[in-house]
Amino acid sequence: MKIKAKLKDGVTEVKLLLTSPMAGKEEAEKKKIEVSYIAHVTAKVNDKIVWEASTGPFLSKDPYFKFEFKGAKAGDKVVIETVDNKGKTDKDEAEIK
């Protein structure tokens, strides 16, 4: 996962690139791979949820998200947590610049 977070005029813009095949049952059968996709994404700053999304195999491989929020300051960390269709979690963070 790649995260970039930039503060400008009181608004933090986050660009997030996740790594996943995002393959549902039909696509997995066709490509002869395992069903695997990210089911939920959460972004937190100072333990407060600032953005979240429920996703599924309908997204393209390695999905890209861009979102904005207010209330953070430079130096704060954006923590991204993902949960896949099997319950496996992943977590990463980036400092707001």
C-alpha atoms as a PDB file:
ATOM      1  CA  MET A   1       0.000   0.000   0.000  1.00  0.00           C
ATOM      2  CA  LYS A   2       1.206   3.500  -0.805  1.00  0.00           C
ATOM      3  CA  ILE A   3      -0.059   6.569   1.048  1.00  0.00           C
ATOM      4  CA  LYS A   4       0.537  10.264   0.441  1.00  0.00           C
ATOM      5  CA  ALA A   5      -1.036  12.890   2.691  1.00  0.00           C
ATOM      6  CA  LYS A   6      -0.689  16.617   2.094  1.00  0.00           C
ATOM      7  CA  LEU A   7      -2.168  19.540   4.050  1.00  0.00           C
ATOM      8  CA  LYS A   8      -3.207  22.680   2.169  1.00  0.00           C
ATOM      9  CA  ASP A   9      -5.408  25.516   3.471  1.00  0.00           C
ATOM     10  CA  GLY A  10      -6.682  23.408   6.376  1.00  0.00           C
ATOM     11  CA  VAL A  11      -7.713  20.485   4.151  1.00  0.00           C
ATOM     12  CA  THR A  12      -5.768  17.229   4.102  1.00  0.00           C
ATOM     13  CA  GLU A  13      -5.714  15.388   0.787  1.00  0.00           C
ATOM     14  CA  VAL A  14      -4.879  11.689   0.915  1.00  0.00           C
ATOM     15  CA  LYS A  15      -3.923   9.582  -2.081  1.00  0.00           C
ATOM     16  CA  LEU A  16      -4.045   5.852  -1.419  1.00  0.00           C
ATOM     17  CA  LEU A  17      -2.963   2.986  -3.665  1.00  0.00           C
ATOM     18  CA  LEU A  18      -3.842  -0.494  -2.386  1.00  0.00           C
ATOM     19  CA  THR A  19      -2.407  -3.770  -3.626  1.00  0.00           C
ATOM     20  CA  SER A  20      -4.974  -6.499  -4.277  1.00  0.00           C
ATOM     21  CA  PRO A  21      -6.147  -8.596  -7.222  1.00  0.00           C
ATOM     22  CA  MET A  22      -9.757  -7.635  -6.293  1.00  0.00           C
ATOM     23  CA  ALA A  23     -10.905 -10.924  -7.815  1.00  0.00           C
ATOM     24  CA  GLY A  24     -14.448 -12.132  -7.167  1.00  0.00           C
ATOM     25  CA  LYS A  25     -15.663 -15.680  -7.771  1.00  0.00           C
ATOM     26  CA  GLU A  26     -16.204 -15.385 -11.540  1.00  0.00           C
ATOM     27  CA  GLU A  27     -12.928 -13.593 -12.247  1.00  0.00           C
ATOM     28  CA  ALA A  28     -10.988 -15.977  -9.983  1.00  0.00           C
ATOM     29  CA  GLU A  29     -12.403 -19.004 -11.835  1.00  0.00           C
ATOM     30  CA  LYS A  30     -11.574 -17.462 -15.193  1.00  0.00           C
ATOM     31  CA  LYS A  31      -7.991 -16.566 -14.185  1.00  0.00           C
ATOM     32  CA  LYS A  32      -7.569 -19.730 -12.083  1.00  0.00           C
ATOM     33  CA  ILE A  33      -6.620 -17.740  -8.999  1.00  0.00           C
ATOM     34  CA  GLU A  34      -7.965 -17.539  -5.464  1.00  0.00           C
ATOM     35  CA  VAL A  35     -10.938 -15.287  -4.633  1.00  0.00           C
ATOM     36  CA  SER A  36      -9.304 -12.271  -3.007  1.00  0.00           C
ATOM     37  CA  TYR A  37     -10.445  -8.701  -2.537  1.00  0.00           C
ATOM     38  CA  ILE A  38     -10.374  -5.893  -0.005  1.00  0.00           C
ATOM     39  CA  ALA A  39     -13.712  -5.672   1.793  1.00  0.00           C
ATOM     40  CA  HIS A  40     -13.226  -2.593   3.987  1.00  0.00           C
ATOM     41  CA  VAL A  41     -10.852   0.375   4.213  1.00  0.00           C
ATOM     42  CA  THR A  42     -10.595   2.766   7.163  1.00  0.00           C
ATOM     43  CA  ALA A  43      -8.508   5.929   7.549  1.00  0.00           C
ATOM     44  CA  LYS A  44      -7.842   7.335  11.010  1.00  0.00           C
ATOM     45  CA  VAL A  45      -6.033  10.364  12.372  1.00  0.00           C
ATOM     46  CA  ASN A  46      -5.398  10.536  16.128  1.00  0.00           C
ATOM     47  CA  ASP A  47      -7.634   7.432  16.556  1.00  0.00           C
ATOM     48  CA  LYS A  48     -10.558   9.260  14.912  1.00  0.00           C
ATOM     49  CA  ILE A  49     -12.072   7.828  11.727  1.00  0.00           C
ATOM     50  CA  VAL A  50     -11.820  10.448   8.985  1.00  0.00           C
ATOM     51  CA  TRP A  51     -12.840   8.245   6.021  1.00  0.00           C
ATOM     52  CA  GLU A  52     -13.988   4.692   5.390  1.00  0.00           C
ATOM     53  CA  ALA A  53     -15.264   2.595   2.516  1.00  0.00           C
ATOM     54  CA  SER A  54     -16.838  -0.813   2.092  1.00  0.00           C
ATOM     55  CA  THR A  55     -15.521  -2.334  -1.104  1.00  0.00           C
ATOM     56  CA  GLY A  56     -15.729  -5.590  -3.006  1.00  0.00           C
ATOM     57  CA  PRO A  57     -14.579  -7.405  -6.120  1.00  0.00           C
ATOM     58  CA  PHE A  58     -16.317  -4.789  -8.285  1.00  0.00           C
ATOM     59  CA  LEU A  59     -13.215  -2.554  -8.058  1.00  0.00           C
ATOM     60  CA  SER A  60     -10.278  -2.878 -10.414  1.00  0.00           C
ATOM     61  CA  LYS A  61      -7.014  -4.550  -9.462  1.00  0.00           C
ATOM     62  CA  ASP A  62      -4.853  -2.416  -7.133  1.00  0.00           C
ATOM     63  CA  PRO A  63      -7.545   0.195  -6.410  1.00  0.00           C
ATOM     64  CA  TYR A  64      -6.693   3.885  -6.018  1.00  0.00           C
ATOM     65  CA  PHE A  65      -8.571   6.205  -3.665  1.00  0.00           C
ATOM     66  CA  LYS A  66      -8.367   9.943  -3.157  1.00  0.00           C
ATOM     67  CA  PHE A  67     -10.179  11.706  -0.328  1.00  0.00           C
ATOM     68  CA  GLU A  68     -10.057  14.912   1.703  1.00  0.00           C
ATOM     69  CA  PHE A  69     -10.876  15.867   5.273  1.00  0.00           C
ATOM     70  CA  LYS A  70     -10.416  18.740   7.708  1.00  0.00           C
ATOM     71  CA  GLY A  71      -9.125  18.834  11.265  1.00  0.00           C
ATOM     72  CA  ALA A  72      -5.581  17.476  10.976  1.00  0.00           C
ATOM     73  CA  LYS A  73      -2.275  19.282  11.168  1.00  0.00           C
ATOM     74  CA  ALA A  74       1.133  18.748   9.595  1.00  0.00           C
ATOM     75  CA  GLY A  75       3.000  16.009  11.418  1.00  0.00           C
ATOM     76  CA  ASP A  76      -0.130  14.000  12.286  1.00  0.00           C
ATOM     77  CA  LYS A  77      -0.200  10.449  10.969  1.00  0.00           C
ATOM     78  CA  VAL A  78      -2.877   9.003   8.711  1.00  0.00           C
ATOM     79  CA  VAL A  79      -3.334   5.323   9.580  1.00  0.00           C
ATOM     80  CA  ILE A  80      -4.912   3.124   6.904  1.00  0.00           C
ATOM     81  CA  GLU A  81      -6.382  -0.247   7.856  1.00  0.00           C
ATOM     82  CA  THR A  82      -7.782  -2.787   5.400  1.00  0.00           C
ATOM     83  CA  VAL A  83      -9.716  -6.019   5.863  1.00  0.00           C
ATOM     84  CA  ASP A  84      -9.946  -8.553   3.049  1.00  0.00           C
ATOM     85  CA  ASN A  85     -12.700 -11.055   2.263  1.00  0.00           C
ATOM     86  CA  LYS A  86     -11.041 -13.675   4.493  1.00  0.00           C
ATOM     87  CA  GLY A  87     -10.683 -11.370   7.496  1.00  0.00           C
ATOM     88  CA  LYS A  88      -6.965 -10.722   7.031  1.00  0.00           C
ATOM     89  CA  THR A  89      -5.981  -7.215   8.090  1.00  0.00           C
ATOM     90  CA  ASP A  90      -3.252  -4.875   6.884  1.00  0.00           C
ATOM     91  CA  LYS A  91      -2.166  -1.561   8.329  1.00  0.00           C
ATOM     92  CA  ASP A  92       0.132   1.262   7.206  1.00  0.00           C
ATOM     93  CA  GLU A  93       0.600   4.919   8.001  1.00  0.00           C
ATOM     94  CA  ALA A  94       1.964   8.130   6.533  1.00  0.00           C
ATOM     95  CA  GLU A  95       2.806  11.500   8.003  1.00  0.00           C
ATOM     96  CA  ILE A  96       0.781  14.491   6.855  1.00  0.00           C
ATOM     97  CA  LYS A  97       3.124  16.974   5.165  1.00  0.00           C
END
